[in-house]
Amino acid sequence: MNKCSLSDFMQTLSPWLSNDYLRKVYLDDKGHILLLFRDGVQDVYHIEDCTDEQLREMLEDLKKKGISVEDSRTNT
């Protein structure tokens, strides 16, 4: 599991948003973010410096960019 700040996570995620490599983002019930890629690779992140509201906003932004997002805490 990768531990990082929200800004580091967004910077890491940025290149994957432009080439349709990212298939799904999943937020588990422990607050870990799983990135599921089209080639079967998975990465797990724990963002240490943000609130639940900031996580929800980030997930909504990813949805607006056309990425499938699932939040196990809200079943969306």
N, C-alpha and C. Protein backbone atom coordinates (compact mmCIF):
# COMPACT_ATOMS: atom_id res chain seq x y z
N MET A 1 0.85 -1.16 0.00
CA MET A 1 0.00 0.00 0.00
C MET A 1 0.90 1.23 0.00
N ASN A 2 0.52 2.18 -0.83
CA ASN A 2 1.23 3.45 -0.91
C ASN A 2 0.54 4.46 -0.01
N LYS A 3 1.32 5.12 0.84
CA LYS A 3 0.78 6.20 1.68
C LYS A 3 1.27 7.52 1.11
N CYS A 4 0.35 8.48 1.01
CA CYS A 4 0.72 9.75 0.40
C CYS A 4 -0.26 10.84 0.80
N SER A 5 0.09 12.06 0.39
CA SER A 5 -0.81 13.18 0.60
C SER A 5 -1.80 13.24 -0.56
N LEU A 6 -2.86 14.01 -0.40
CA LEU A 6 -3.85 14.15 -1.47
C LEU A 6 -3.23 14.76 -2.72
N SER A 7 -2.40 15.77 -2.55
CA SER A 7 -1.79 16.40 -3.73
C SER A 7 -0.83 15.45 -4.42
N ASP A 8 -0.08 14.65 -3.67
CA ASP A 8 0.80 13.65 -4.29
C ASP A 8 -0.01 12.60 -5.04
N PHE A 9 -1.13 12.19 -4.45
CA PHE A 9 -1.99 11.20 -5.10
C PHE A 9 -2.53 11.74 -6.42
N MET A 10 -3.01 12.98 -6.41
CA MET A 10 -3.56 13.57 -7.62
C MET A 10 -2.48 13.73 -8.69
N GLN A 11 -1.27 14.06 -8.28
CA GLN A 11 -0.16 14.19 -9.22
C GLN A 11 0.18 12.82 -9.81
N THR A 12 0.16 11.78 -8.99
CA THR A 12 0.42 10.42 -9.46
C THR A 12 -0.67 9.96 -10.42
N LEU A 13 -1.89 10.31 -10.12
CA LEU A 13 -3.04 9.88 -10.92
C LEU A 13 -3.14 10.60 -12.26
N SER A 14 -2.65 11.80 -12.33
CA SER A 14 -2.82 12.66 -13.50
C SER A 14 -2.46 12.01 -14.85
N PRO A 15 -1.33 11.36 -15.01
CA PRO A 15 -1.00 10.79 -16.33
C PRO A 15 -1.97 9.67 -16.75
N TRP A 16 -2.54 8.98 -15.79
CA TRP A 16 -3.43 7.87 -16.11
C TRP A 16 -4.80 8.35 -16.56
N LEU A 17 -5.14 9.59 -16.27
CA LEU A 17 -6.44 10.12 -16.65
C LEU A 17 -6.52 10.43 -18.13
N SER A 18 -5.39 10.68 -18.76
CA SER A 18 -5.41 11.14 -20.14
C SER A 18 -5.37 10.03 -21.18
N ASN A 19 -5.10 8.79 -20.79
CA ASN A 19 -4.95 7.76 -21.81
C ASN A 19 -5.88 6.56 -21.63
N ASP A 20 -6.94 6.71 -20.89
CA ASP A 20 -7.93 5.65 -20.67
C ASP A 20 -7.33 4.35 -20.12
N TYR A 21 -6.24 4.47 -19.41
CA TYR A 21 -5.59 3.31 -18.81
C TYR A 21 -6.30 2.89 -17.52
N LEU A 22 -6.89 3.85 -16.84
CA LEU A 22 -7.55 3.61 -15.57
C LEU A 22 -8.98 3.12 -15.81
N ARG A 23 -9.31 1.94 -15.30
CA ARG A 23 -10.63 1.36 -15.51
C ARG A 23 -11.61 1.76 -14.41
N LYS A 24 -11.14 1.74 -13.15
CA LYS A 24 -12.06 1.99 -12.04
C LYS A 24 -11.28 2.47 -10.82
N VAL A 25 -11.95 3.32 -10.02
CA VAL A 25 -11.42 3.75 -8.73
C VAL A 25 -12.40 3.26 -7.68
N TYR A 26 -11.88 2.60 -6.66
CA TYR A 26 -12.73 2.01 -5.64
C TYR A 26 -12.24 2.50 -4.28
N LEU A 27 -13.14 3.03 -3.47
CA LEU A 27 -12.83 3.45 -2.10
C LEU A 27 -13.42 2.40 -1.17
N ASP A 28 -12.55 1.71 -0.43
CA ASP A 28 -13.05 0.65 0.45
C ASP A 28 -13.51 1.22 1.79
N ASP A 29 -14.05 0.35 2.62
CA ASP A 29 -14.62 0.79 3.90
C ASP A 29 -13.58 1.27 4.91
N LYS A 30 -12.28 1.05 4.62
CA LYS A 30 -11.21 1.53 5.48
C LYS A 30 -10.62 2.85 4.98
N GLY A 31 -11.17 3.36 3.88
CA GLY A 31 -10.67 4.61 3.32
C GLY A 31 -9.50 4.44 2.37
N HIS A 32 -9.20 3.20 1.99
CA HIS A 32 -8.12 2.96 1.03
C HIS A 32 -8.68 3.10 -0.38
N ILE A 33 -7.89 3.69 -1.25
CA ILE A 33 -8.29 3.87 -2.63
C ILE A 33 -7.58 2.82 -3.49
N LEU A 34 -8.37 2.05 -4.20
CA LEU A 34 -7.83 1.05 -5.12
C LEU A 34 -7.98 1.57 -6.54
N LEU A 35 -6.90 1.55 -7.28
CA LEU A 35 -6.92 1.92 -8.69
C LEU A 35 -6.86 0.64 -9.49
N LEU A 36 -7.84 0.40 -10.32
CA LEU A 36 -7.91 -0.80 -11.13
C LEU A 36 -7.67 -0.39 -12.58
N PHE A 37 -6.63 -0.97 -13.18
CA PHE A 37 -6.24 -0.60 -14.52
C PHE A 37 -6.73 -1.62 -15.54
N ARG A 38 -6.83 -1.21 -16.78
CA ARG A 38 -7.37 -2.06 -17.85
C ARG A 38 -6.53 -3.31 -18.09
N ASP A 39 -5.26 -3.29 -17.74
CA ASP A 39 -4.40 -4.46 -17.96
C ASP A 39 -4.38 -5.41 -16.76
N GLY A 40 -5.25 -5.15 -15.77
CA GLY A 40 -5.34 -6.03 -14.61
C GLY A 40 -4.51 -5.60 -13.42
N VAL A 41 -3.66 -4.61 -13.57
CA VAL A 41 -2.83 -4.12 -12.47
C VAL A 41 -3.71 -3.37 -11.48
N GLN A 42 -3.38 -3.50 -10.19
CA GLN A 42 -4.08 -2.78 -9.14
C GLN A 42 -3.06 -2.09 -8.24
N ASP A 43 -3.36 -0.87 -7.85
CA ASP A 43 -2.55 -0.14 -6.87
C ASP A 43 -3.47 0.29 -5.74
N VAL A 44 -2.94 0.28 -4.52
CA VAL A 44 -3.72 0.69 -3.35
C VAL A 44 -3.02 1.88 -2.70
N TYR A 45 -3.83 2.89 -2.37
CA TYR A 45 -3.31 4.11 -1.76
C TYR A 45 -4.07 4.42 -0.48
N HIS A 46 -3.35 4.97 0.47
CA HIS A 46 -3.97 5.53 1.67
C HIS A 46 -3.55 6.99 1.72
N ILE A 47 -4.51 7.88 1.59
CA ILE A 47 -4.23 9.31 1.61
C ILE A 47 -4.32 9.78 3.06
N GLU A 48 -3.22 10.31 3.55
CA GLU A 48 -3.10 10.59 4.97
C GLU A 48 -3.55 11.98 5.41
N ASP A 49 -3.70 12.90 4.49
CA ASP A 49 -3.91 14.29 4.92
C ASP A 49 -5.22 14.90 4.45
N CYS A 50 -6.28 14.09 4.32
CA CYS A 50 -7.53 14.69 3.86
C CYS A 50 -8.72 14.15 4.65
N THR A 51 -9.79 14.90 4.57
CA THR A 51 -11.02 14.53 5.26
C THR A 51 -11.88 13.66 4.35
N ASP A 52 -12.92 13.07 4.92
CA ASP A 52 -13.87 12.30 4.12
C ASP A 52 -14.52 13.17 3.05
N GLU A 53 -14.80 14.41 3.39
CA GLU A 53 -15.39 15.34 2.42
C GLU A 53 -14.45 15.57 1.23
N GLN A 54 -13.18 15.74 1.51
CA GLN A 54 -12.21 15.92 0.42
C GLN A 54 -12.13 14.67 -0.46
N LEU A 55 -12.19 13.49 0.17
CA LEU A 55 -12.19 12.24 -0.61
C LEU A 55 -13.42 12.16 -1.50
N ARG A 56 -14.58 12.51 -0.95
CA ARG A 56 -15.82 12.48 -1.75
C ARG A 56 -15.73 13.45 -2.92
N GLU A 57 -15.20 14.63 -2.69
CA GLU A 57 -15.05 15.62 -3.76
C GLU A 57 -14.12 15.11 -4.85
N MET A 58 -13.03 14.47 -4.45
CA MET A 58 -12.08 13.92 -5.41
C MET A 58 -12.75 12.82 -6.24
N LEU A 59 -13.53 11.95 -5.60
CA LEU A 59 -14.22 10.89 -6.31
C LEU A 59 -15.25 11.46 -7.29
N GLU A 60 -15.95 12.50 -6.88
CA GLU A 60 -16.92 13.14 -7.77
C GLU A 60 -16.23 13.75 -8.99
N ASP A 61 -15.07 14.34 -8.76
CA ASP A 61 -14.31 14.91 -9.87
C ASP A 61 -13.89 13.82 -10.86
N LEU A 62 -13.48 12.67 -10.33
CA LEU A 62 -13.09 11.57 -11.21
C LEU A 62 -14.29 11.06 -12.01
N LYS A 63 -15.45 11.00 -11.37
CA LYS A 63 -16.68 10.60 -12.08
C LYS A 63 -16.96 11.55 -13.24
N LYS A 64 -16.80 12.84 -12.99
CA LYS A 64 -17.04 13.84 -14.04
C LYS A 64 -16.08 13.68 -15.21
N LYS A 65 -14.93 13.07 -14.95
CA LYS A 65 -13.95 12.83 -16.01
C LYS A 65 -14.21 11.51 -16.73
N GLY A 66 -15.30 10.83 -16.36
CA GLY A 66 -15.69 9.60 -17.04
C GLY A 66 -15.10 8.32 -16.47
N ILE A 67 -14.52 8.40 -15.29
CA ILE A 67 -13.94 7.21 -14.66
C ILE A 67 -14.99 6.56 -13.77
N SER A 68 -15.07 5.26 -13.86
CA SER A 68 -15.99 4.52 -13.00
C SER A 68 -15.47 4.59 -11.57
N VAL A 69 -16.34 5.00 -10.66
CA VAL A 69 -15.96 5.18 -9.25
C VAL A 69 -16.96 4.42 -8.39
N GLU A 70 -16.44 3.71 -7.41
CA GLU A 70 -17.30 3.01 -6.45
C GLU A 70 -16.82 3.33 -5.04
N ASP A 71 -17.75 3.72 -4.20
CA ASP A 71 -17.44 4.03 -2.80
C ASP A 71 -18.19 2.99 -1.95
N SER A 72 -17.48 2.07 -1.35
CA SER A 72 -18.11 1.00 -0.58
C SER A 72 -18.88 1.53 0.62
N ARG A 73 -18.54 2.72 1.05
CA ARG A 73 -19.20 3.29 2.23
C ARG A 73 -20.59 3.82 1.89
N THR A 74 -20.81 4.16 0.61
CA THR A 74 -22.12 4.70 0.22
C THR A 74 -22.79 3.85 -0.85
N ASN A 75 -22.11 2.77 -1.28
CA ASN A 75 -22.63 1.89 -2.34
C ASN A 75 -22.89 2.63 -3.65
N THR A 76 -22.01 3.59 -4.00
CA THR A 76 -22.12 4.29 -5.29
C THR A 76 -20.88 4.10 -6.11
